[in-house]
Amino acid sequence: MQGLDADAPIIDVGGGASTLVDDLLDGGYRLVTVLDLSESAIRSAKVRLGKRAEQVIWLTGDIIAIDLPEQHYDLWHDRALFHFFTEPEQQRQYRDRLMRVLKPGGHLIIGTFAPEAPPTCSGLPVQRYSPQQLVATLGRAFELQRQHKELHTTPGGVEQMYVYCLFRKKIEERP
């Protein structure tokens, strides 16, 4: 991300077997954490990275329950995890965790199913969002900086419209 220092702590929640970690390491970022519920997805990423996997902090667990350092991360990245939290209480717990661990002035990149996307993914229900719905869900503590939609085609040929948003956590935290 432009303007982000190479020593800025970054967390990729739900990162699993994603190749974002490869890109971050290639970009010179040195404090990268990947969190996923799936141990096998983490294992797959470690195998792919080989020796470079030692440069990454790997965490296996539930983002809502795992212990993370407070006001530590400059960037929180979530591509396709938040939309699986379909209950208001789950969404609140996710937001509370985000508020606790993202530094004031830090950034959130979040990708979710757009309103026109299918109502399920991998057989699980999802919550679909417009950028305005994400703003309302995250609250006044976050400023929407950028947004765009992208059509994603799964390996099985299913088209899914995503909305990607970049938020900045305000310095003065207000829910």
N, C-alpha and C. Protein backbone atom coordinates (compact mmCIF):
# COMPACT_ATOMS: atom_id res chain seq x y z
N MET A 1 0.84 -1.18 0.00
CA MET A 1 0.00 0.00 0.00
C MET A 1 0.88 1.23 0.00
N GLN A 2 0.55 2.16 -0.83
CA GLN A 2 1.33 3.38 -0.98
C GLN A 2 1.41 4.14 0.35
N GLY A 3 2.61 4.54 0.72
CA GLY A 3 2.81 5.32 1.92
C GLY A 3 2.94 4.50 3.19
N LEU A 4 2.88 3.20 3.09
CA LEU A 4 2.99 2.33 4.26
C LEU A 4 4.45 1.92 4.41
N ASP A 5 5.02 2.19 5.57
CA ASP A 5 6.41 1.89 5.86
C ASP A 5 6.66 0.38 5.83
N ALA A 6 7.83 -0.03 5.42
CA ALA A 6 8.17 -1.45 5.34
C ALA A 6 8.11 -2.14 6.70
N ASP A 7 8.24 -1.38 7.77
CA ASP A 7 8.16 -1.94 9.12
C ASP A 7 6.78 -1.78 9.76
N ALA A 8 5.80 -1.39 8.97
CA ALA A 8 4.43 -1.25 9.48
C ALA A 8 3.83 -2.63 9.73
N PRO A 9 3.29 -2.88 10.91
CA PRO A 9 2.64 -4.17 11.16
C PRO A 9 1.36 -4.30 10.33
N ILE A 10 1.26 -5.43 9.63
CA ILE A 10 0.12 -5.73 8.75
C ILE A 10 -0.47 -7.06 9.17
N ILE A 11 -1.80 -7.14 9.19
CA ILE A 11 -2.46 -8.42 9.44
C ILE A 11 -3.42 -8.72 8.30
N ASP A 12 -3.35 -9.95 7.81
CA ASP A 12 -4.26 -10.44 6.77
C ASP A 12 -5.17 -11.45 7.44
N VAL A 13 -6.40 -11.03 7.78
CA VAL A 13 -7.34 -11.92 8.47
C VAL A 13 -8.06 -12.78 7.44
N GLY A 14 -8.12 -14.06 7.72
CA GLY A 14 -8.69 -15.00 6.77
C GLY A 14 -7.75 -15.22 5.60
N GLY A 15 -6.47 -14.93 5.80
CA GLY A 15 -5.48 -14.97 4.72
C GLY A 15 -5.16 -16.36 4.21
N GLY A 16 -5.21 -17.35 5.10
CA GLY A 16 -5.03 -18.75 4.71
C GLY A 16 -4.03 -18.98 3.61
N ALA A 17 -4.50 -19.57 2.53
CA ALA A 17 -3.64 -19.93 1.40
C ALA A 17 -3.50 -18.80 0.38
N SER A 18 -4.02 -17.62 0.69
CA SER A 18 -3.94 -16.48 -0.21
C SER A 18 -2.48 -16.13 -0.54
N THR A 19 -2.28 -15.55 -1.70
CA THR A 19 -0.92 -15.14 -2.11
C THR A 19 -0.61 -13.69 -1.75
N LEU A 20 -1.49 -13.02 -1.01
CA LEU A 20 -1.18 -11.64 -0.59
C LEU A 20 0.11 -11.60 0.20
N VAL A 21 0.33 -12.58 1.07
CA VAL A 21 1.55 -12.60 1.86
C VAL A 21 2.79 -12.63 0.96
N ASP A 22 2.74 -13.35 -0.14
CA ASP A 22 3.85 -13.38 -1.10
C ASP A 22 4.12 -11.97 -1.62
N ASP A 23 3.04 -11.29 -2.01
CA ASP A 23 3.17 -9.94 -2.57
C ASP A 23 3.72 -8.96 -1.53
N LEU A 24 3.27 -9.10 -0.28
CA LEU A 24 3.77 -8.21 0.77
C LEU A 24 5.26 -8.43 1.02
N LEU A 25 5.68 -9.69 1.08
CA LEU A 25 7.11 -9.98 1.26
C LEU A 25 7.91 -9.48 0.06
N ASP A 26 7.39 -9.69 -1.15
CA ASP A 26 8.06 -9.19 -2.36
C ASP A 26 8.18 -7.68 -2.33
N GLY A 27 7.20 -7.01 -1.71
CA GLY A 27 7.20 -5.55 -1.60
C GLY A 27 8.09 -5.02 -0.49
N GLY A 28 8.74 -5.92 0.25
CA GLY A 28 9.68 -5.50 1.28
C GLY A 28 9.08 -5.33 2.67
N TYR A 29 7.81 -5.68 2.85
CA TYR A 29 7.19 -5.56 4.17
C TYR A 29 7.74 -6.64 5.09
N ARG A 30 8.06 -6.24 6.32
CA ARG A 30 8.77 -7.13 7.23
C ARG A 30 7.96 -7.59 8.44
N LEU A 31 6.81 -6.98 8.70
CA LEU A 31 6.02 -7.34 9.88
C LEU A 31 4.62 -7.78 9.45
N VAL A 32 4.58 -8.94 8.82
CA VAL A 32 3.34 -9.46 8.26
C VAL A 32 2.82 -10.61 9.11
N THR A 33 1.54 -10.52 9.48
CA THR A 33 0.86 -11.58 10.21
C THR A 33 -0.27 -12.11 9.33
N VAL A 34 -0.38 -13.43 9.24
CA VAL A 34 -1.48 -14.08 8.53
C VAL A 34 -2.27 -14.88 9.55
N LEU A 35 -3.58 -14.63 9.60
CA LEU A 35 -4.47 -15.32 10.52
C LEU A 35 -5.53 -16.06 9.73
N ASP A 36 -5.76 -17.31 10.10
CA ASP A 36 -6.82 -18.08 9.46
C ASP A 36 -7.32 -19.14 10.43
N LEU A 37 -8.57 -19.51 10.25
CA LEU A 37 -9.19 -20.56 11.05
C LEU A 37 -8.67 -21.95 10.65
N SER A 38 -8.21 -22.07 9.41
CA SER A 38 -7.81 -23.35 8.85
C SER A 38 -6.30 -23.58 8.96
N GLU A 39 -5.93 -24.58 9.74
CA GLU A 39 -4.53 -24.96 9.85
C GLU A 39 -4.00 -25.47 8.51
N SER A 40 -4.84 -26.18 7.74
CA SER A 40 -4.38 -26.70 6.45
C SER A 40 -4.12 -25.57 5.45
N ALA A 41 -4.92 -24.50 5.49
CA ALA A 41 -4.67 -23.36 4.60
C ALA A 41 -3.35 -22.67 4.96
N ILE A 42 -3.09 -22.53 6.24
CA ILE A 42 -1.82 -21.94 6.71
C ILE A 42 -0.66 -22.83 6.27
N ARG A 43 -0.81 -24.14 6.45
CA ARG A 43 0.24 -25.08 6.05
C ARG A 43 0.54 -24.96 4.56
N SER A 44 -0.51 -24.84 3.76
CA SER A 44 -0.36 -24.71 2.31
C SER A 44 0.45 -23.45 1.95
N ALA A 45 0.13 -22.35 2.62
CA ALA A 45 0.87 -21.11 2.35
C ALA A 45 2.33 -21.23 2.77
N LYS A 46 2.57 -21.86 3.90
CA LYS A 46 3.95 -22.05 4.37
C LYS A 46 4.76 -22.88 3.38
N VAL A 47 4.14 -23.95 2.89
CA VAL A 47 4.83 -24.80 1.91
C VAL A 47 5.15 -23.99 0.65
N ARG A 48 4.18 -23.22 0.17
CA ARG A 48 4.38 -22.41 -1.03
C ARG A 48 5.52 -21.42 -0.84
N LEU A 49 5.60 -20.80 0.34
CA LEU A 49 6.62 -19.79 0.60
C LEU A 49 8.00 -20.38 0.90
N GLY A 50 8.02 -21.63 1.33
CA GLY A 50 9.30 -22.26 1.66
C GLY A 50 9.99 -21.53 2.81
N LYS A 51 11.27 -21.27 2.65
CA LYS A 51 12.08 -20.62 3.69
C LYS A 51 11.53 -19.23 4.06
N ARG A 52 10.91 -18.56 3.10
CA ARG A 52 10.38 -17.21 3.37
C ARG A 52 9.24 -17.23 4.39
N ALA A 53 8.63 -18.39 4.61
CA ALA A 53 7.53 -18.50 5.60
C ALA A 53 8.01 -18.12 7.00
N GLU A 54 9.31 -18.26 7.25
CA GLU A 54 9.87 -17.91 8.56
C GLU A 54 9.80 -16.41 8.83
N GLN A 55 9.61 -15.61 7.79
CA GLN A 55 9.53 -14.16 7.94
C GLN A 55 8.14 -13.68 8.36
N VAL A 56 7.18 -14.61 8.43
CA VAL A 56 5.78 -14.28 8.67
C VAL A 56 5.34 -14.80 10.03
N ILE A 57 4.47 -14.06 10.70
CA ILE A 57 3.82 -14.54 11.92
C ILE A 57 2.55 -15.24 11.49
N TRP A 58 2.43 -16.52 11.80
CA TRP A 58 1.28 -17.34 11.41
C TRP A 58 0.42 -17.61 12.62
N LEU A 59 -0.85 -17.29 12.52
CA LEU A 59 -1.79 -17.53 13.62
C LEU A 59 -2.97 -18.34 13.11
N THR A 60 -3.33 -19.37 13.88
CA THR A 60 -4.50 -20.16 13.56
C THR A 60 -5.53 -19.90 14.64
N GLY A 61 -6.72 -19.46 14.23
CA GLY A 61 -7.77 -19.21 15.20
C GLY A 61 -8.89 -18.37 14.62
N ASP A 62 -9.85 -18.10 15.47
CA ASP A 62 -11.04 -17.31 15.13
C ASP A 62 -10.76 -15.84 15.42
N ILE A 63 -10.93 -14.99 14.46
CA ILE A 63 -10.63 -13.57 14.61
C ILE A 63 -11.39 -12.96 15.78
N ILE A 64 -12.55 -13.47 16.07
CA ILE A 64 -13.36 -12.93 17.17
C ILE A 64 -12.79 -13.33 18.53
N ALA A 65 -12.10 -14.47 18.62
CA ALA A 65 -11.66 -14.99 19.91
C ALA A 65 -10.16 -14.90 20.15
N ILE A 66 -9.36 -14.83 19.10
CA ILE A 66 -7.90 -14.90 19.27
C ILE A 66 -7.35 -13.64 19.95
N ASP A 67 -6.33 -13.82 20.73
CA ASP A 67 -5.69 -12.71 21.44
C ASP A 67 -4.69 -12.03 20.50
N LEU A 68 -4.90 -10.74 20.29
CA LEU A 68 -4.02 -9.94 19.42
C LEU A 68 -3.57 -8.70 20.18
N PRO A 69 -2.39 -8.18 19.86
CA PRO A 69 -1.91 -6.98 20.57
C PRO A 69 -2.78 -5.75 20.26
N GLU A 70 -3.06 -4.96 21.29
CA GLU A 70 -3.92 -3.79 21.12
C GLU A 70 -3.19 -2.66 20.40
N GLN A 71 -3.96 -1.98 19.54
CA GLN A 71 -3.49 -0.83 18.76
C GLN A 71 -2.11 -1.10 18.17
N HIS A 72 -1.99 -2.24 17.53
CA HIS A 72 -0.70 -2.70 17.01
C HIS A 72 -0.57 -2.56 15.49
N TYR A 73 -1.65 -2.85 14.76
CA TYR A 73 -1.55 -2.95 13.32
C TYR A 73 -1.82 -1.63 12.61
N ASP A 74 -1.00 -1.37 11.59
CA ASP A 74 -1.20 -0.20 10.72
C ASP A 74 -2.16 -0.53 9.58
N LEU A 75 -2.23 -1.81 9.22
CA LEU A 75 -3.11 -2.24 8.14
C LEU A 75 -3.75 -3.56 8.49
N TRP A 76 -5.07 -3.60 8.35
CA TRP A 76 -5.88 -4.81 8.53
C TRP A 76 -6.45 -5.11 7.16
N HIS A 77 -6.16 -6.29 6.63
CA HIS A 77 -6.68 -6.70 5.33
C HIS A 77 -7.62 -7.88 5.50
N ASP A 78 -8.78 -7.78 4.89
CA ASP A 78 -9.78 -8.85 4.95
C ASP A 78 -10.44 -8.97 3.59
N ARG A 79 -10.08 -10.02 2.87
CA ARG A 79 -10.75 -10.30 1.62
C ARG A 79 -11.60 -11.55 1.83
N ALA A 80 -12.89 -11.34 2.01
CA ALA A 80 -13.85 -12.44 2.03
C ALA A 80 -13.96 -13.19 3.35
N LEU A 81 -13.71 -12.54 4.47
CA LEU A 81 -14.01 -13.16 5.76
C LEU A 81 -15.24 -12.51 6.39
N PHE A 82 -15.25 -11.18 6.45
CA PHE A 82 -16.32 -10.47 7.16
C PHE A 82 -17.71 -10.86 6.67
N HIS A 83 -17.86 -11.11 5.37
CA HIS A 83 -19.21 -11.40 4.89
C HIS A 83 -19.77 -12.74 5.38
N PHE A 84 -18.93 -13.58 6.00
CA PHE A 84 -19.43 -14.82 6.59
C PHE A 84 -20.05 -14.59 7.97
N PHE A 85 -19.83 -13.42 8.55
CA PHE A 85 -20.45 -13.08 9.83
C PHE A 85 -21.82 -12.49 9.52
N THR A 86 -22.84 -13.32 9.58
CA THR A 86 -24.18 -12.93 9.15
C THR A 86 -25.07 -12.44 10.30
N GLU A 87 -24.66 -12.69 11.53
CA GLU A 87 -25.44 -12.27 12.69
C GLU A 87 -24.91 -10.95 13.24
N PRO A 88 -25.80 -10.04 13.65
CA PRO A 88 -25.34 -8.74 14.19
C PRO A 88 -24.34 -8.87 15.33
N GLU A 89 -24.49 -9.87 16.20
CA GLU A 89 -23.56 -10.04 17.31
C GLU A 89 -22.17 -10.41 16.80
N GLN A 90 -22.08 -11.25 15.79
CA GLN A 90 -20.78 -11.60 15.20
C GLN A 90 -20.14 -10.38 14.57
N GLN A 91 -20.93 -9.59 13.87
CA GLN A 91 -20.42 -8.38 13.22
C GLN A 91 -19.90 -7.39 14.27
N ARG A 92 -20.62 -7.28 15.38
CA ARG A 92 -20.19 -6.38 16.46
C ARG A 92 -18.87 -6.88 17.07
N GLN A 93 -18.76 -8.18 17.29
CA GLN A 93 -17.53 -8.73 17.86
C GLN A 93 -16.34 -8.51 16.92
N TYR A 94 -16.56 -8.69 15.63
CA TYR A 94 -15.52 -8.45 14.62
C TYR A 94 -15.09 -6.98 14.68
N ARG A 95 -16.08 -6.09 14.67
CA ARG A 95 -15.79 -4.65 14.71
C ARG A 95 -15.05 -4.27 15.99
N ASP A 96 -15.48 -4.82 17.13
CA ASP A 96 -14.80 -4.55 18.39
C ASP A 96 -13.35 -4.98 18.35
N ARG A 97 -13.09 -6.17 17.77
CA ARG A 97 -11.70 -6.65 17.66
C ARG A 97 -10.90 -5.71 16.75
N LEU A 98 -11.48 -5.34 15.63
CA LEU A 98 -10.85 -4.41 14.70
C LEU A 98 -10.50 -3.10 15.41
N MET A 99 -11.45 -2.57 16.17
CA MET A 99 -11.22 -1.31 16.90
C MET A 99 -10.07 -1.43 17.89
N ARG A 100 -9.97 -2.58 18.55
CA ARG A 100 -8.94 -2.76 19.57
C ARG A 100 -7.54 -2.91 18.99
N VAL A 101 -7.40 -3.58 17.85
CA VAL A 101 -6.05 -3.91 17.38
C VAL A 101 -5.52 -2.99 16.29
N LEU A 102 -6.39 -2.26 15.60
CA LEU A 102 -5.94 -1.34 14.55
C LEU A 102 -5.57 0.00 15.20
N LYS A 103 -4.40 0.51 14.86
CA LYS A 103 -3.95 1.79 15.40
C LYS A 103 -4.85 2.92 14.93
N PRO A 104 -5.02 3.96 15.75
CA PRO A 104 -5.68 5.16 15.23
C PRO A 104 -4.89 5.68 14.03
N GLY A 105 -5.59 6.02 12.97
CA GLY A 105 -4.94 6.43 11.73
C GLY A 105 -4.60 5.26 10.83
N GLY A 106 -4.79 4.03 11.33
CA GLY A 106 -4.51 2.83 10.55
C GLY A 106 -5.56 2.62 9.47
N HIS A 107 -5.27 1.69 8.58
CA HIS A 107 -6.16 1.44 7.44
C HIS A 107 -6.74 0.04 7.45
N LEU A 108 -7.94 -0.06 6.92
CA LEU A 108 -8.66 -1.30 6.75
C LEU A 108 -8.96 -1.46 5.27
N ILE A 109 -8.55 -2.58 4.70
CA ILE A 109 -8.96 -2.96 3.35
C ILE A 109 -9.88 -4.15 3.53
N ILE A 110 -11.10 -4.02 3.04
CA ILE A 110 -12.08 -5.08 3.23
C ILE A 110 -12.78 -5.39 1.92
N GLY A 111 -12.89 -6.68 1.62
CA GLY A 111 -13.60 -7.14 0.43
C GLY A 111 -14.74 -8.04 0.86
N THR A 112 -15.94 -7.72 0.39
CA THR A 112 -17.11 -8.52 0.74
C THR A 112 -17.95 -8.75 -0.51
N PHE A 113 -18.91 -9.67 -0.39
CA PHE A 113 -19.86 -9.85 -1.47
C PHE A 113 -20.68 -8.57 -1.62
N ALA A 114 -20.86 -8.14 -2.86
CA ALA A 114 -21.68 -6.97 -3.17
C ALA A 114 -23.16 -7.38 -3.14
N PRO A 115 -24.08 -6.41 -3.11
CA PRO A 115 -25.52 -6.74 -3.04
C PRO A 115 -26.00 -7.69 -4.13
N GLU A 116 -25.42 -7.61 -5.31
CA GLU A 116 -25.87 -8.46 -6.43
C GLU A 116 -25.18 -9.82 -6.48
N ALA A 117 -24.31 -10.10 -5.52
CA ALA A 117 -23.61 -11.39 -5.47
C ALA A 117 -24.56 -12.48 -4.98
N PRO A 118 -24.19 -13.74 -5.18
CA PRO A 118 -25.02 -14.84 -4.67
C PRO A 118 -25.16 -14.74 -3.14
N PRO A 119 -26.24 -15.30 -2.58
CA PRO A 119 -26.45 -15.22 -1.13
C PRO A 119 -25.64 -16.24 -0.33
N THR A 120 -24.91 -17.12 -1.03
CA THR A 120 -24.07 -18.10 -0.35
C THR A 120 -22.71 -18.19 -1.02
N CYS A 121 -21.75 -18.73 -0.26
CA CYS A 121 -20.41 -18.99 -0.78
C CYS A 121 -19.94 -20.30 -0.16
N SER A 122 -19.52 -21.22 -0.98
CA SER A 122 -19.08 -22.55 -0.50
C SER A 122 -20.15 -23.20 0.37
N GLY A 123 -21.41 -22.96 0.02
CA GLY A 123 -22.52 -23.56 0.75
C GLY A 123 -22.90 -22.85 2.04
N LEU A 124 -22.20 -21.77 2.36
CA LEU A 124 -22.48 -21.01 3.59
C LEU A 124 -23.18 -19.70 3.26
N PRO A 125 -24.11 -19.26 4.11
CA PRO A 125 -24.76 -17.97 3.87
C PRO A 125 -23.76 -16.83 4.07
N VAL A 126 -23.95 -15.75 3.32
CA VAL A 126 -23.11 -14.56 3.46
C VAL A 126 -23.99 -13.33 3.62
N GLN A 127 -23.40 -12.31 4.21
CA GLN A 127 -24.03 -11.00 4.30
C GLN A 127 -23.44 -10.18 3.15
N ARG A 128 -24.30 -9.65 2.30
CA ARG A 128 -23.82 -8.84 1.17
C ARG A 128 -23.86 -7.37 1.57
N TYR A 129 -22.91 -6.58 1.04
CA TYR A 129 -22.76 -5.19 1.43
C TYR A 129 -22.56 -4.27 0.23
N SER A 130 -23.13 -3.10 0.33
CA SER A 130 -22.74 -1.97 -0.51
C SER A 130 -21.70 -1.20 0.30
N PRO A 131 -20.94 -0.30 -0.32
CA PRO A 131 -20.02 0.51 0.47
C PRO A 131 -20.73 1.27 1.59
N GLN A 132 -21.94 1.78 1.31
CA GLN A 132 -22.68 2.53 2.31
C GLN A 132 -23.09 1.63 3.49
N GLN A 133 -23.42 0.38 3.20
CA GLN A 133 -23.76 -0.56 4.27
C GLN A 133 -22.53 -0.89 5.13
N LEU A 134 -21.37 -0.98 4.50
CA LEU A 134 -20.14 -1.20 5.27
C LEU A 134 -19.85 0.00 6.16
N VAL A 135 -20.04 1.20 5.63
CA VAL A 135 -19.85 2.42 6.43
C VAL A 135 -20.75 2.37 7.65
N ALA A 136 -22.03 2.05 7.45
CA ALA A 136 -22.98 2.00 8.55
C ALA A 136 -22.62 0.91 9.56
N THR A 137 -22.16 -0.23 9.08
CA THR A 137 -21.82 -1.35 9.96
C THR A 137 -20.56 -1.07 10.77
N LEU A 138 -19.56 -0.47 10.14
CA LEU A 138 -18.30 -0.19 10.84
C LEU A 138 -18.41 0.99 11.79
N GLY A 139 -19.28 1.94 11.48
CA GLY A 139 -19.49 3.07 12.37
C GLY A 139 -18.64 4.28 12.04
N ARG A 140 -18.86 5.33 12.82
CA ARG A 140 -18.23 6.63 12.57
C ARG A 140 -16.73 6.65 12.83
N ALA A 141 -16.19 5.62 13.44
CA ALA A 141 -14.76 5.58 13.72
C ALA A 141 -13.94 5.36 12.45
N PHE A 142 -14.62 5.00 11.36
CA PHE A 142 -13.92 4.70 10.10
C PHE A 142 -14.39 5.62 8.99
N GLU A 143 -13.42 6.16 8.25
CA GLU A 143 -13.72 7.00 7.09
C GLU A 143 -13.48 6.19 5.83
N LEU A 144 -14.47 6.16 4.95
CA LEU A 144 -14.31 5.49 3.66
C LEU A 144 -13.41 6.36 2.78
N GLN A 145 -12.32 5.78 2.29
CA GLN A 145 -11.36 6.50 1.46
C GLN A 145 -11.54 6.19 -0.03
N ARG A 146 -11.73 4.89 -0.31
CA ARG A 146 -11.90 4.45 -1.70
C ARG A 146 -12.79 3.22 -1.73
N GLN A 147 -13.37 2.98 -2.92
CA GLN A 147 -14.22 1.82 -3.10
C GLN A 147 -14.19 1.41 -4.58
N HIS A 148 -14.38 0.15 -4.83
CA HIS A 148 -14.60 -0.31 -6.20
C HIS A 148 -15.21 -1.71 -6.18
N LYS A 149 -15.84 -2.04 -7.29
CA LYS A 149 -16.44 -3.37 -7.45
C LYS A 149 -15.60 -4.16 -8.43
N GLU A 150 -15.63 -5.48 -8.24
CA GLU A 150 -14.87 -6.36 -9.12
C GLU A 150 -15.62 -7.68 -9.25
N LEU A 151 -15.73 -8.14 -10.48
CA LEU A 151 -16.37 -9.43 -10.73
C LEU A 151 -15.32 -10.53 -10.61
N HIS A 152 -15.55 -11.44 -9.70
CA HIS A 152 -14.64 -12.56 -9.46
C HIS A 152 -15.29 -13.83 -10.00
N THR A 153 -14.52 -14.60 -10.74
CA THR A 153 -15.01 -15.89 -11.23
C THR A 153 -14.26 -16.98 -10.48
N THR A 154 -15.01 -17.85 -9.80
CA THR A 154 -14.41 -18.92 -9.02
C THR A 154 -13.81 -19.98 -9.95
N PRO A 155 -12.95 -20.85 -9.43
CA PRO A 155 -12.43 -21.94 -10.26
C PRO A 155 -13.55 -22.80 -10.86
N GLY A 156 -14.70 -22.84 -10.19
CA GLY A 156 -15.84 -23.61 -10.69
C GLY A 156 -16.68 -22.85 -11.70
N GLY A 157 -16.27 -21.62 -12.04
CA GLY A 157 -16.98 -20.83 -13.04
C GLY A 157 -18.11 -19.96 -12.53
N VAL A 158 -18.30 -19.88 -11.22
CA VAL A 158 -19.36 -19.05 -10.64
C VAL A 158 -18.87 -17.61 -10.56
N GLU A 159 -19.70 -16.69 -11.05
CA GLU A 159 -19.37 -15.27 -10.98
C GLU A 159 -19.91 -14.68 -9.68
N GLN A 160 -19.05 -13.93 -8.98
CA GLN A 160 -19.41 -13.30 -7.72
C GLN A 160 -18.93 -11.85 -7.75
N MET A 161 -19.84 -10.91 -7.55
CA MET A 161 -19.46 -9.51 -7.52
C MET A 161 -18.98 -9.15 -6.11
N TYR A 162 -17.81 -8.58 -6.04
CA TYR A 162 -17.24 -8.13 -4.76
C TYR A 162 -17.22 -6.61 -4.72
N VAL A 163 -17.29 -6.08 -3.51
CA VAL A 163 -17.04 -4.68 -3.28
C VAL A 163 -15.81 -4.60 -2.37
N TYR A 164 -14.87 -3.77 -2.77
CA TYR A 164 -13.65 -3.56 -2.00
C TYR A 164 -13.65 -2.12 -1.50
N CYS A 165 -13.34 -1.96 -0.23
CA CYS A 165 -13.31 -0.62 0.37
C CYS A 165 -12.03 -0.43 1.16
N LEU A 166 -11.51 0.77 1.08
CA LEU A 166 -10.38 1.20 1.90
C LEU A 166 -10.91 2.20 2.91
N PHE A 167 -10.71 1.89 4.18
CA PHE A 167 -11.12 2.78 5.26
C PHE A 167 -9.90 3.23 6.04
N ARG A 168 -10.02 4.39 6.66
CA ARG A 168 -9.01 4.87 7.60
C ARG A 168 -9.69 5.01 8.94
N LYS A 169 -9.03 4.45 9.97
CA LYS A 169 -9.56 4.60 11.33
C LYS A 169 -9.23 6.00 11.81
N LYS A 170 -10.24 6.70 12.24
CA LYS A 170 -10.04 8.08 12.70
C LYS A 170 -9.14 8.08 13.94
N ILE A 171 -8.41 9.16 14.09
CA ILE A 171 -7.52 9.30 15.23
C ILE A 171 -8.32 9.34 16.53
N GLU A 172 -9.38 10.11 16.52
CA GLU A 172 -10.28 10.16 17.68
C GLU A 172 -11.32 9.09 17.49
N GLU A 173 -11.28 8.06 18.32
CA GLU A 173 -12.17 6.92 18.16
C GLU A 173 -13.54 7.21 18.74
N ARG A 174 -14.54 7.19 17.87
CA ARG A 174 -15.92 7.31 18.30
C ARG A 174 -16.71 6.19 17.64
N PRO A 175 -17.45 5.42 18.41
CA PRO A 175 -18.24 4.33 17.80
C PRO A 175 -19.33 4.84 16.88
